[in-house]
Amino acid sequence: MAEEIKKTKEQEVKKDRNSNNRRNNAPKEKLLNGQVVNIARVTKVTKGGRHMRFAVTYAVGDGKGLVGLGTGKANEVQDAIKKAEQAAGRNLIKVPIMDGRTLPHDIEGKCGRARVLLKKARPGTGVIAGGTARIILELAGVKDVVSKSLGTNTKVNVAKATINALKAERTPEHIASLRGKKVEEL
């Protein structure tokens, strides 16, 4: 009787070991949503002729405060998108969102000659922003915001300026901790 129990336990251990060694081929659930910001065909002129490639800017976000931006270049559009998506996943930032819907304060972001002004808004306002800034803000999970693109309207620079503005956002809790005070004392 004891030998039978010992054998069944050994068989169970073997099954567990075998199941751990096998790879799980089930498709993985995507945690981040993504969207193409810009696709550009770039040309490199050499002695041998013109070499065409594609440069893609891609944004990813989880809708809960994480957002990232990345670029990729390749001879084919799909390969460039894949590279840009991976780069965006490596460049994630955490965006502070107040009351689960808006930004803590008004801020301006810059990149090159592009400037983006982001203003917090009342409930029900929605995302009032141009195409490129809208993509970034929606992927970040901001629901009520007013945005204005100032300066140049280059898509890549507007996207980077929006990311720079979101990076510079600070919560009242963060400012209070920097000053060594409580939030109520601010």
C-alpha atoms as a PDB file:
ATOM      1  CA  MET A   1       0.000   0.000   0.000  1.00  0.00           C
ATOM      2  CA  ALA A   2       2.768   2.439   0.920  1.00  0.00           C
ATOM      3  CA  GLU A   3       4.618   1.594  -2.313  1.00  0.00           C
ATOM      4  CA  GLU A   4       1.533   2.412  -4.414  1.00  0.00           C
ATOM      5  CA  ILE A   5       1.163   5.818  -2.729  1.00  0.00           C
ATOM      6  CA  LYS A   6       4.872   6.474  -3.260  1.00  0.00           C
ATOM      7  CA  LYS A   7       4.578   5.561  -6.973  1.00  0.00           C
ATOM      8  CA  THR A   8       1.528   7.815  -7.502  1.00  0.00           C
ATOM      9  CA  LYS A   9       3.331  10.731  -5.807  1.00  0.00           C
ATOM     10  CA  GLU A  10       6.373  10.181  -8.046  1.00  0.00           C
ATOM     11  CA  GLN A  11       4.107  10.146 -11.124  1.00  0.00           C
ATOM     12  CA  GLU A  12       2.472  13.414 -10.013  1.00  0.00           C
ATOM     13  CA  VAL A  13       5.874  15.032  -9.513  1.00  0.00           C
ATOM     14  CA  LYS A  14       6.957  13.887 -13.010  1.00  0.00           C
ATOM     15  CA  LYS A  15       3.758  15.355 -14.526  1.00  0.00           C
ATOM     16  CA  ASP A  16       4.387  18.661 -12.764  1.00  0.00           C
ATOM     17  CA  ARG A  17       7.973  18.759 -14.009  1.00  0.00           C
ATOM     18  CA  ASN A  18       6.914  17.976 -17.579  1.00  0.00           C
ATOM     19  CA  SER A  19       4.151  20.574 -17.578  1.00  0.00           C
ATOM     20  CA  ASN A  20       6.581  23.235 -16.301  1.00  0.00           C
ATOM     21  CA  ASN A  21       9.073  22.469 -19.068  1.00  0.00           C
ATOM     22  CA  ARG A  22       6.515  22.805 -21.836  1.00  0.00           C
ATOM     23  CA  ARG A  23       6.024  26.244 -23.226  1.00  0.00           C
ATOM     24  CA  ASN A  24       2.649  27.836 -23.034  1.00  0.00           C
ATOM     25  CA  ASN A  25       1.660  28.433 -26.651  1.00  0.00           C
ATOM     26  CA  ALA A  26      -1.543  30.265 -25.802  1.00  0.00           C
ATOM     27  CA  PRO A  27      -1.629  33.828 -27.156  1.00  0.00           C
ATOM     28  CA  LYS A  28      -0.627  36.423 -24.595  1.00  0.00           C
ATOM     29  CA  GLU A  29      -3.130  39.086 -23.652  1.00  0.00           C
ATOM     30  CA  LYS A  30      -1.978  42.559 -24.683  1.00  0.00           C
ATOM     31  CA  LEU A  31      -1.641  44.911 -21.738  1.00  0.00           C
ATOM     32  CA  LEU A  32      -0.893  47.994 -23.839  1.00  0.00           C
ATOM     33  CA  ASN A  33      -2.951  49.454 -26.661  1.00  0.00           C
ATOM     34  CA  GLY A  34      -1.077  51.116 -29.480  1.00  0.00           C
ATOM     35  CA  GLN A  35      -1.582  53.433 -32.389  1.00  0.00           C
ATOM     36  CA  VAL A  36       0.561  54.662 -35.266  1.00  0.00           C
ATOM     37  CA  VAL A  37       1.281  58.390 -34.947  1.00  0.00           C
ATOM     38  CA  ASN A  38       3.179  58.896 -38.198  1.00  0.00           C
ATOM     39  CA  ILE A  39       4.573  56.923 -41.151  1.00  0.00           C
ATOM     40  CA  ALA A  40       7.199  58.634 -43.308  1.00  0.00           C
ATOM     41  CA  ARG A  41       9.063  57.363 -46.347  1.00  0.00           C
ATOM     42  CA  VAL A  42      12.669  58.447 -46.044  1.00  0.00           C
ATOM     43  CA  THR A  43      15.255  58.367 -48.808  1.00  0.00           C
ATOM     44  CA  LYS A  44      18.994  58.025 -48.476  1.00  0.00           C
ATOM     45  CA  VAL A  45      20.818  59.103 -51.614  1.00  0.00           C
ATOM     46  CA  THR A  46      24.127  57.331 -52.171  1.00  0.00           C
ATOM     47  CA  LYS A  47      26.550  56.860 -55.054  1.00  0.00           C
ATOM     48  CA  GLY A  48      24.677  53.676 -55.960  1.00  0.00           C
ATOM     49  CA  GLY A  49      21.257  55.345 -56.075  1.00  0.00           C
ATOM     50  CA  ARG A  50      18.355  56.069 -53.779  1.00  0.00           C
ATOM     51  CA  HIS A  51      17.575  53.771 -50.835  1.00  0.00           C
ATOM     52  CA  MET A  52      13.970  54.011 -49.620  1.00  0.00           C
ATOM     53  CA  ARG A  53      13.043  53.129 -46.044  1.00  0.00           C
ATOM     54  CA  PHE A  54      10.107  53.782 -43.738  1.00  0.00           C
ATOM     55  CA  ALA A  55      10.240  55.626 -40.431  1.00  0.00           C
ATOM     56  CA  VAL A  56       7.315  54.995 -38.061  1.00  0.00           C
ATOM     57  CA  THR A  57       6.379  56.774 -34.838  1.00  0.00           C
ATOM     58  CA  TYR A  58       4.196  54.639 -32.577  1.00  0.00           C
ATOM     59  CA  ALA A  59       2.464  55.340 -29.250  1.00  0.00           C
ATOM     60  CA  VAL A  60       1.388  52.776 -26.640  1.00  0.00           C
ATOM     61  CA  GLY A  61      -0.615  53.139 -23.437  1.00  0.00           C
ATOM     62  CA  ASP A  62      -2.756  51.210 -20.979  1.00  0.00           C
ATOM     63  CA  GLY A  63      -5.449  53.859 -20.429  1.00  0.00           C
ATOM     64  CA  LYS A  64      -4.574  53.996 -16.715  1.00  0.00           C
ATOM     65  CA  GLY A  65      -1.647  56.404 -16.672  1.00  0.00           C
ATOM     66  CA  LEU A  66       1.083  54.563 -18.601  1.00  0.00           C
ATOM     67  CA  VAL A  67       2.088  55.911 -22.006  1.00  0.00           C
ATOM     68  CA  GLY A  68       5.132  55.608 -24.262  1.00  0.00           C
ATOM     69  CA  LEU A  69       6.397  56.802 -27.622  1.00  0.00           C
ATOM     70  CA  GLY A  70       8.877  55.084 -29.926  1.00  0.00           C
ATOM     71  CA  THR A  71      10.264  55.244 -33.440  1.00  0.00           C
ATOM     72  CA  GLY A  72      11.506  52.541 -35.781  1.00  0.00           C
ATOM     73  CA  LYS A  73      12.980  52.379 -39.268  1.00  0.00           C
ATOM     74  CA  ALA A  74      12.992  49.476 -41.700  1.00  0.00           C
ATOM     75  CA  ASN A  75      12.730  48.616 -45.390  1.00  0.00           C
ATOM     76  CA  GLU A  76       9.124  47.422 -44.905  1.00  0.00           C
ATOM     77  CA  VAL A  77       6.316  49.259 -43.123  1.00  0.00           C
ATOM     78  CA  GLN A  78       5.317  46.288 -40.930  1.00  0.00           C
ATOM     79  CA  ASP A  79       8.881  45.772 -39.704  1.00  0.00           C
ATOM     80  CA  ALA A  80       9.178  49.483 -38.905  1.00  0.00           C
ATOM     81  CA  ILE A  81       5.888  49.382 -36.965  1.00  0.00           C
ATOM     82  CA  LYS A  82       7.096  46.363 -34.988  1.00  0.00           C
ATOM     83  CA  LYS A  83      10.390  48.104 -34.105  1.00  0.00           C
ATOM     84  CA  ALA A  84       8.580  51.306 -33.135  1.00  0.00           C
ATOM     85  CA  GLU A  85       6.126  49.373 -30.946  1.00  0.00           C
ATOM     86  CA  GLN A  86       8.991  47.686 -29.095  1.00  0.00           C
ATOM     87  CA  ALA A  87      10.769  51.017 -28.632  1.00  0.00           C
ATOM     88  CA  ALA A  88       7.562  52.596 -27.286  1.00  0.00           C
ATOM     89  CA  GLY A  89       7.182  49.745 -24.790  1.00  0.00           C
ATOM     90  CA  ARG A  90      10.699  50.461 -23.504  1.00  0.00           C
ATOM     91  CA  ASN A  91      10.017  54.214 -23.122  1.00  0.00           C
ATOM     92  CA  LEU A  92       6.961  54.097 -20.850  1.00  0.00           C
ATOM     93  CA  ILE A  93       6.243  56.931 -18.432  1.00  0.00           C
ATOM     94  CA  LYS A  94       3.710  57.183 -15.611  1.00  0.00           C
ATOM     95  CA  VAL A  95       1.251  60.062 -15.964  1.00  0.00           C
ATOM     96  CA  PRO A  96      -0.412  61.409 -12.795  1.00  0.00           C
ATOM     97  CA  ILE A  97      -4.171  61.540 -13.350  1.00  0.00           C
ATOM     98  CA  MET A  98      -6.348  63.432 -10.864  1.00  0.00           C
ATOM     99  CA  ASP A  99      -9.783  62.001  -9.952  1.00  0.00           C
ATOM    100  CA  GLY A 100      -9.256  59.337 -12.630  1.00  0.00           C
ATOM    101  CA  ARG A 101      -9.989  61.781 -15.442  1.00  0.00           C
ATOM    102  CA  THR A 102      -7.844  64.953 -15.745  1.00  0.00           C
ATOM    103  CA  LEU A 103      -4.378  66.415 -15.212  1.00  0.00           C
ATOM    104  CA  PRO A 104      -3.206  67.904 -11.874  1.00  0.00           C
ATOM    105  CA  HIS A 105      -2.342  71.328 -13.380  1.00  0.00           C
ATOM    106  CA  ASP A 106      -1.864  73.241 -16.637  1.00  0.00           C
ATOM    107  CA  ILE A 107       1.478  72.687 -18.348  1.00  0.00           C
ATOM    108  CA  GLU A 108       3.364  73.345 -21.552  1.00  0.00           C
ATOM    109  CA  GLY A 109       5.675  70.878 -23.291  1.00  0.00           C
ATOM    110  CA  LYS A 110       8.281  71.642 -25.941  1.00  0.00           C
ATOM    111  CA  CYS A 111      10.191  69.702 -28.566  1.00  0.00           C
ATOM    112  CA  GLY A 112      12.022  71.558 -31.291  1.00  0.00           C
ATOM    113  CA  ARG A 113       9.743  74.383 -32.467  1.00  0.00           C
ATOM    114  CA  ALA A 114       6.600  72.497 -31.402  1.00  0.00           C
ATOM    115  CA  ARG A 115       4.871  73.590 -28.203  1.00  0.00           C
ATOM    116  CA  VAL A 116       1.833  71.893 -26.696  1.00  0.00           C
ATOM    117  CA  LEU A 117      -0.294  73.505 -23.990  1.00  0.00           C
ATOM    118  CA  LEU A 118      -2.286  71.083 -21.803  1.00  0.00           C
ATOM    119  CA  LYS A 119      -4.991  72.435 -19.492  1.00  0.00           C
ATOM    120  CA  LYS A 120      -6.981  70.509 -16.921  1.00  0.00           C
ATOM    121  CA  ALA A 121     -10.734  70.527 -17.541  1.00  0.00           C
ATOM    122  CA  ARG A 122     -14.052  70.022 -15.789  1.00  0.00           C
ATOM    123  CA  PRO A 123     -15.884  66.675 -15.830  1.00  0.00           C
ATOM    124  CA  GLY A 124     -17.648  66.010 -19.128  1.00  0.00           C
ATOM    125  CA  THR A 125     -15.328  68.170 -21.227  1.00  0.00           C
ATOM    126  CA  GLY A 126     -13.709  65.251 -23.042  1.00  0.00           C
ATOM    127  CA  VAL A 127     -10.404  65.257 -24.871  1.00  0.00           C
ATOM    128  CA  ILE A 128     -10.229  68.485 -26.870  1.00  0.00           C
ATOM    129  CA  ALA A 129      -6.969  68.102 -28.770  1.00  0.00           C
ATOM    130  CA  GLY A 130      -5.525  67.840 -32.254  1.00  0.00           C
ATOM    131  CA  GLY A 131      -4.828  64.473 -33.857  1.00  0.00           C
ATOM    132  CA  THR A 132      -1.356  63.741 -32.525  1.00  0.00           C
ATOM    133  CA  ALA A 133      -1.859  65.084 -28.998  1.00  0.00           C
ATOM    134  CA  ARG A 134      -5.255  63.332 -28.846  1.00  0.00           C
ATOM    135  CA  ILE A 135      -3.652  59.939 -29.543  1.00  0.00           C
ATOM    136  CA  ILE A 136      -1.134  60.364 -26.696  1.00  0.00           C
ATOM    137  CA  LEU A 137      -3.702  61.698 -24.191  1.00  0.00           C
ATOM    138  CA  GLU A 138      -6.286  58.988 -24.923  1.00  0.00           C
ATOM    139  CA  LEU A 139      -3.697  56.210 -24.643  1.00  0.00           C
ATOM    140  CA  ALA A 140      -2.575  57.698 -21.304  1.00  0.00           C
ATOM    141  CA  GLY A 141      -6.148  57.531 -20.003  1.00  0.00           C
ATOM    142  CA  VAL A 142      -6.823  61.265 -19.629  1.00  0.00           C
ATOM    143  CA  LYS A 143     -10.562  61.823 -20.112  1.00  0.00           C
ATOM    144  CA  ASP A 144     -10.998  65.589 -19.603  1.00  0.00           C
ATOM    145  CA  VAL A 145      -8.351  67.914 -21.030  1.00  0.00           C
ATOM    146  CA  VAL A 146      -8.033  70.904 -23.331  1.00  0.00           C
ATOM    147  CA  SER A 147      -4.958  71.038 -25.550  1.00  0.00           C
ATOM    148  CA  LYS A 148      -3.566  73.604 -27.938  1.00  0.00           C
ATOM    149  CA  SER A 149      -0.707  72.994 -30.339  1.00  0.00           C
ATOM    150  CA  LEU A 150       1.475  76.096 -30.668  1.00  0.00           C
ATOM    151  CA  GLY A 151       4.331  76.609 -33.098  1.00  0.00           C
ATOM    152  CA  THR A 152       5.001  73.941 -35.707  1.00  0.00           C
ATOM    153  CA  ASN A 153       2.546  71.119 -36.321  1.00  0.00           C
ATOM    154  CA  THR A 154       5.079  68.397 -37.192  1.00  0.00           C
ATOM    155  CA  LYS A 155       3.435  65.185 -35.955  1.00  0.00           C
ATOM    156  CA  VAL A 156       6.546  63.632 -34.385  1.00  0.00           C
ATOM    157  CA  ASN A 157       7.547  66.819 -32.546  1.00  0.00           C
ATOM    158  CA  VAL A 158       3.981  67.459 -31.327  1.00  0.00           C
ATOM    159  CA  ALA A 159       3.867  63.876 -29.971  1.00  0.00           C
ATOM    160  CA  LYS A 160       7.232  64.338 -28.224  1.00  0.00           C
ATOM    161  CA  ALA A 161       6.151  67.726 -26.829  1.00  0.00           C
ATOM    162  CA  THR A 162       2.991  66.118 -25.414  1.00  0.00           C
ATOM    163  CA  ILE A 163       5.073  63.366 -23.779  1.00  0.00           C
ATOM    164  CA  ASN A 164       7.452  65.995 -22.353  1.00  0.00           C
ATOM    165  CA  ALA A 165       4.500  67.908 -20.891  1.00  0.00           C
ATOM    166  CA  LEU A 166       3.084  64.734 -19.308  1.00  0.00           C
ATOM    167  CA  LYS A 167       6.531  63.893 -17.862  1.00  0.00           C
ATOM    168  CA  ALA A 168       6.664  67.294 -16.145  1.00  0.00           C
ATOM    169  CA  GLU A 169       3.262  66.884 -14.432  1.00  0.00           C
ATOM    170  CA  ARG A 170       3.462  66.696 -10.626  1.00  0.00           C
ATOM    171  CA  THR A 171       0.776  65.756  -8.126  1.00  0.00           C
ATOM    172  CA  PRO A 172       0.008  67.789  -5.004  1.00  0.00           C
ATOM    173  CA  GLU A 173       1.305  64.847  -2.934  1.00  0.00           C
ATOM    174  CA  HIS A 174       4.659  64.965  -4.757  1.00  0.00           C
ATOM    175  CA  ILE A 175       5.026  68.728  -4.276  1.00  0.00           C
ATOM    176  CA  ALA A 176       4.095  68.426  -0.577  1.00  0.00           C
ATOM    177  CA  SER A 177       6.737  65.727  -0.076  1.00  0.00           C
ATOM    178  CA  LEU A 178       9.366  67.914  -1.777  1.00  0.00           C
ATOM    179  CA  ARG A 179       8.554  70.796   0.565  1.00  0.00           C
ATOM    180  CA  GLY A 180       8.323  68.573   3.641  1.00  0.00           C
ATOM    181  CA  LYS A 181       4.690  69.509   4.276  1.00  0.00           C
ATOM    182  CA  LYS A 182       1.291  67.874   4.235  1.00  0.00           C
ATOM    183  CA  VAL A 183      -1.076  68.264   1.279  1.00  0.00           C
ATOM    184  CA  GLU A 184      -3.487  70.278   3.463  1.00  0.00           C
ATOM    185  CA  GLU A 185      -0.750  72.848   4.218  1.00  0.00           C
ATOM    186  CA  LEU A 186      -0.212  73.753   0.539  1.00  0.00           C
END
